[in-house]
């Protein structure tokens, strides 16, 4: 055990001196901060906003510019029976019976007369003609559930009275899309039924009440094709997710081999919103389409939440809740947080979705629901009316009513959203400028304190002693058992390496058999990887087979993973006596080695993108245009999901400049194709699908997971880094060539997220060590479907393979590290 470091008594008095010195330092810093604070408050009126609000308001009313600075969602309800309601229930041509409470017997109509009054400004009065003018030749679509349909009906009623009879039309052909058209304006206001936004078994607008709710969290294209080209989109989804778990389907509803899994509600909600946001990012026209997301509409189904007796609900409620800041339990803050995080992430990617935060203001309105005064498909019977605890609707809203205010908020004057953003940017720069002055004051105080402290020489002596102790402790910790296998150097070792002979490996493939195809300099076979501060355990094939007796180890990925798999077979075979109890079999995309003595399977599954693509045929994968289904993995995953150890890789196939992403299935006439040039995003989308599958489907107590980092490559034609005729490693410390760090960071980030969700994936960082080995690629010494011709060999810049690795060679080291990890697990 390392001796504990302590400071001798001679430093105790000096320590007191240091404390006094630091007290002086703190005093100077505090003085600087006080001066800076006074300076900022006098110079920057933005930081003290009380005066701003006074400037915004004149004679009790907000000026027009105040709306730009005002939080429209913070305010109070004001009774106003002069200007509200904005329309009469009986006069709206297209009123829904589910929401027409007066028609079905409700006599207390005060709920229609409440106006929302934001603090410090006024909400502009709804102007139907002005909105219709803004919607001229445009399409506004509400997408979501029946609450969004209620808001759509409200919008139609608000516009209805401004359109002459005969100049408006409602079209419903029985599908999920209902269209209201104002003919003179060529304006369409539509509602699309998609209660979970993604595909589900509840997508029929009429017959959707099913006992077992199933959602395809990765599939949205069936719905999105109907609304993607809209000019304004208003989304919501919340109520239909409100159950402890959701049944998630991988595959299609028509497929007999679909995979079903019960998933925690919040996680399935997050997955669905990820699919929704990915679709928007790739498909929506950013210069044309405005995007809005309605926050949760609260329910009022438990009267005890607002102080009434247990067992009541919104029935017979005639007054709103007046307690400011009231929050009932009919909403879920965790779901709200997921929506906000999703929208924030879209914002970072250049797509602006405005959250219309109607939750708090609607939570006050317990009296605004239909209760028993409504019709679903048929009017309620007298027996049902007499049982309001069971049949009162405390979810939807009477019209005219609360959704009219949502639409007033939605219909804020054009340009305000952008102006708000620009003003915030300007004010941020203003604050930064002021803080530059504060920073200057702080630094002056800091350096003055440092000069003061330097007079005490004993202070520096103590610091020096402490630094020395710290260095000793660090050196001791470096020699601890937890060794970093990936940090080290290549050591020439022609005694113990190579670990096998290429010509003696029964499983060697011609693409990696460099010696067989004419390579004379075999020095590349004799390099051993030496980690700092520890040794790699020598590979023992017999010990590995014993460790994985009765188990299944599968490499999943592209030809580089196949390269590593062949290396593993050669390493194992070299450890075994000659035997007939081993075989190699190809089944579909799965190649697997079996040793019957150990009942062990070591397989390779061809899946170059991990997710589904048109390059998935293990024999015919070279196609003209690569197409990837970034949301689909189940076709592959069902083949390897039962493995005990999984080793993944995917990288180089994503590097094509233009890659086509497919939503839908191959061969479907309804499939949607989109060419995506964003390498990072399409890679991230693919890994997201892979990680979600692991999270939901892998047996966490059984399966060990590994992910190989990038294997370095050299593009053909790159003369400065070419691998042809290279016979020595690169000895430059920390050398990096062309590995894409951005894509590597995506893989690392994905793995970290999985770990936070309880799924451990070991990231094998083989990139840096492999970067130094440009001498170890096949170059022209290989075959690919056929040997390279003599003419090809004369043009190594075009025909050298600087991607894969000769065997024996670098992948053997990867497997030594993998072996160490497996044996220590």
Foldseek 3Di string as FASTA:
>chain_A
DDDDDDDDPVCPVVVVVVVVLVVLLVVLLVVLVVVLVVVCVVPPVVVPCPVVLVVQDDPNAGDPCVVLVFDQQAFAKDFAPPCWPVFDQVPQPDHAQQFALVVQPDDQPSQGGIDTQGPSHGQDDDDLVVVLLVQQLFEEEEEAAVQSVLLLSLNSSNNVVVADPPQWDWDDPQAQKIWIARNVRRGIYMYGYDHLQFDWCQRRNPPRDDPATEGALQARLVRCVVPQAGQEYEYEYDPVLPDQWHWYWADDPPDPPIDIFIDGSLVSSLSNLVNVLLCCLFRHDQVGHAAEYEADQFFWLAVVLLPDDGLHTLPPDNAFADPPPRDGPRHDVSSVVSVVVSQVVSVVSPHHYHYLYNHRNNNRCSNFFSQQSGADPHRDDPVLNVVSSPNTDRRHGHPPHDSNNSVSSVPGPPPSVVVSVVVVVVVVVVVVVSVVVSVVSSVVSNVVSVVVVVVSVSVVVVVVVVVVVVVVVVVVVQLDPPFDQQAFAKDFAPPCWPLFDQVPQPLDDQFFALVVLPDDQPSQGGIDTQGPNDGQDDDALVVLLQLQQLFEEEEEAAVQSVLLLSLNSRNNVSNDDDDPQWDWDDDFQKIWIARVVRRYIYIYGYDHLLFDWCQRGNVDRDDDAIEGALQHRVVPCVVPQPGQEYEYEYDPVLPPQWHKYWRDDPPDPSIDIGIDRPSQVSSLSNLVNVLVCCLGRHDQVGHAAEYEADQDFDDQPPVVLALPPDNFFAPPPQDDDDPDVSNRVSVVVSQVVSVVSPHHYHYQHNHRRNRRPSNFFSQQSGADVHHDDPVVNVRSSHPTGSGHGHPPHDSNNVVSVVSSVSVVD
